[in-house]
Amino acid sequence: MKAQLNVVTLGVSSLEASYDFYATGLAWQPKLYVLDEVAFFQVGHGLLLSLFRADHLAAEAGGSASADLAQLFTLGHNVGSPDEVDHILNVAATAGGSIVAEGTHMSWGGYSGYFADPDGFRWEVCHNPGLSVDAEGNVTIREIG
């Protein structure tokens, strides 16, 4: 099986609130928004973020709509500088998210901070100069520190 990821789906408690956070607050352009059902945003080369009603996702995927699930993983957003990390954290907070870890110089040589969206899903905003993506979407990552 080829390693591939095209859609990351978050089960959200309020699709309207989550859509407003990403589309209005963060100014992301939706690819598709089906009222009271699902919203899709392109977040990378061939990659979509899907916001899906948690109750519908639980019924469809065989799980529960527990808010605790948001604590088990993070989504990463790599940017070009520490200043950009701090700027995006502030944009997210202004949009209704919460900063859960301020931007910090990391022991491995980068700089990162975290915000949580309205459902508690954590996003790491990171400046990792060892990570790059070429025009075809291929990722190169190397140790920097």
Protein backbone atom coordinates (compact mmCIF):
# COMPACT_ATOMS: atom_id res chain seq x y z
CA MET A 1 0.00 0.00 0.00
CA LYS A 2 1.34 3.43 -0.95
CA ALA A 3 1.74 5.85 1.98
CA GLN A 4 -0.71 8.63 1.27
CA LEU A 5 -2.90 11.08 3.18
CA ASN A 6 -5.46 13.22 1.37
CA VAL A 7 -7.99 14.19 4.05
CA VAL A 8 -7.67 14.87 7.77
CA THR A 9 -11.14 14.89 9.35
CA LEU A 10 -11.91 16.55 12.68
CA GLY A 11 -15.17 15.69 14.44
CA VAL A 12 -16.43 19.07 15.67
CA SER A 13 -19.17 19.88 18.17
CA SER A 14 -20.47 22.87 16.18
CA LEU A 15 -19.83 22.92 12.46
CA GLU A 16 -20.95 26.54 12.22
CA ALA A 17 -18.55 27.70 14.97
CA SER A 18 -15.65 25.70 13.55
CA TYR A 19 -16.37 26.91 10.01
CA ASP A 20 -16.45 30.52 11.26
CA PHE A 21 -13.12 30.00 13.07
CA TYR A 22 -11.30 28.64 10.01
CA ALA A 23 -13.07 30.56 7.20
CA THR A 24 -13.65 33.92 8.85
CA GLY A 25 -11.16 34.05 11.71
CA LEU A 26 -8.20 32.45 9.94
CA ALA A 27 -9.34 33.57 6.44
CA TRP A 28 -9.00 30.09 4.91
CA GLN A 29 -10.88 29.60 1.65
CA PRO A 30 -13.32 26.68 1.72
CA LYS A 31 -13.33 24.20 -1.13
CA LEU A 32 -16.81 22.97 -0.16
CA TYR A 33 -19.24 23.79 2.64
CA VAL A 34 -22.39 21.73 3.14
CA LEU A 35 -24.45 23.52 5.79
CA ASP A 36 -24.89 21.47 8.99
CA GLU A 37 -22.85 18.58 7.56
CA VAL A 38 -19.22 19.14 6.47
CA ALA A 39 -16.66 21.75 5.38
CA PHE A 40 -13.47 21.17 3.39
CA PHE A 41 -10.37 23.40 3.22
CA GLN A 42 -7.31 22.69 1.11
CA VAL A 43 -4.36 22.82 3.49
CA GLY A 44 -1.54 21.55 1.32
CA HIS A 45 -0.55 19.84 -1.89
CA GLY A 46 -3.37 17.33 -2.39
CA LEU A 47 -4.42 17.61 1.27
CA LEU A 48 -7.80 18.64 2.68
CA LEU A 49 -8.90 19.43 6.21
CA SER A 50 -12.47 18.25 6.73
CA LEU A 51 -14.65 19.56 9.55
CA PHE A 52 -17.42 17.01 10.15
CA ARG A 53 -20.16 17.03 12.77
CA ALA A 54 -18.85 14.88 15.64
CA ASP A 55 -22.13 13.04 16.09
CA HIS A 56 -22.24 12.14 12.40
CA LEU A 57 -18.55 11.14 12.39
CA ALA A 58 -19.07 8.91 15.44
CA ALA A 59 -22.02 7.20 13.76
CA GLU A 60 -20.16 6.81 10.48
CA ALA A 61 -16.75 5.75 11.79
CA GLY A 62 -17.84 3.70 14.80
CA GLY A 63 -16.68 5.79 17.72
CA SER A 64 -17.84 8.32 20.27
CA ALA A 65 -17.97 12.08 19.99
CA SER A 66 -15.68 12.56 23.02
CA ALA A 67 -13.98 15.96 23.26
CA ASP A 68 -11.03 14.19 24.92
CA LEU A 69 -9.95 12.84 21.53
CA ALA A 70 -8.72 16.32 20.58
CA GLN A 71 -5.98 16.00 23.21
CA LEU A 72 -4.37 12.94 21.61
CA PHE A 73 -2.73 14.50 18.56
CA THR A 74 -1.67 17.77 17.00
CA LEU A 75 -1.80 19.20 13.52
CA GLY A 76 1.34 20.96 12.30
CA HIS A 77 1.71 24.16 10.30
CA ASN A 78 5.31 24.99 9.32
CA VAL A 79 6.11 28.64 8.55
CA GLY A 80 9.10 30.69 7.45
CA SER A 81 10.15 32.46 10.65
CA PRO A 82 9.65 32.76 14.42
CA ASP A 83 7.88 36.10 13.85
CA GLU A 84 5.40 34.34 11.58
CA VAL A 85 4.77 31.74 14.32
CA ASP A 86 3.88 34.49 16.79
CA HIS A 87 1.72 36.31 14.22
CA ILE A 88 -0.32 33.18 13.42
CA LEU A 89 -0.79 32.38 17.11
CA ASN A 90 -2.18 35.89 17.60
CA VAL A 91 -4.47 35.57 14.56
CA ALA A 92 -5.82 32.29 15.91
CA ALA A 93 -6.44 33.81 19.35
CA THR A 94 -8.21 36.81 17.81
CA ALA A 95 -10.33 34.41 15.71
CA GLY A 96 -11.64 32.66 18.85
CA GLY A 97 -9.00 30.02 19.41
CA SER A 98 -6.79 29.89 22.47
CA ILE A 99 -3.02 29.93 22.70
CA VAL A 100 -2.06 26.87 24.73
CA ALA A 101 1.72 27.33 24.41
CA GLU A 102 3.42 30.59 23.49
CA GLY A 103 6.05 30.60 20.76
CA THR A 104 9.31 29.24 22.17
CA HIS A 105 12.81 28.50 20.91
CA MET A 106 13.00 24.71 21.00
CA SER A 107 15.93 22.50 22.06
CA TRP A 108 16.09 20.99 18.56
CA GLY A 109 16.78 24.38 16.95
CA GLY A 110 13.36 25.49 15.76
CA TYR A 111 10.65 27.72 17.19
CA SER A 112 7.07 26.68 17.89
CA GLY A 113 3.88 27.42 19.77
CA TYR A 114 0.42 25.90 19.95
CA PHE A 115 -3.15 27.10 19.64
CA ALA A 116 -6.40 25.22 20.13
CA ASP A 117 -9.42 25.68 17.88
CA PRO A 118 -12.93 25.99 19.39
CA ASP A 119 -13.17 22.19 19.85
CA GLY A 120 -9.75 21.93 21.49
CA PHE A 121 -7.88 20.50 18.49
CA ARG A 122 -4.29 21.63 18.91
CA TRP A 123 -2.28 23.14 16.09
CA GLU A 124 1.49 23.46 16.35
CA VAL A 125 2.71 26.52 14.48
CA CYS A 126 6.36 25.85 13.87
CA HIS A 127 9.40 27.35 12.21
CA ASN A 128 11.49 24.30 11.34
CA PRO A 129 14.23 25.33 8.93
CA GLY A 130 14.99 21.65 8.37
CA LEU A 131 11.60 21.03 6.73
CA SER A 132 10.86 21.99 3.13
CA VAL A 133 8.32 21.03 0.46
CA ASP A 134 9.15 21.13 -3.26
CA ALA A 135 6.81 22.04 -6.13
CA GLU A 136 5.66 18.41 -6.49
CA GLY A 137 4.73 18.24 -2.80
CA ASN A 138 7.71 16.11 -1.74
CA VAL A 139 8.86 16.79 1.80
CA THR A 140 12.49 17.00 2.86
CA ILE A 141 13.20 16.97 6.58
CA ARG A 142 16.57 16.98 8.33
CA GLU A 143 17.88 17.53 11.84
CA ILE A 144 18.89 21.12 12.49
CA GLY A 145 20.18 21.26 16.01
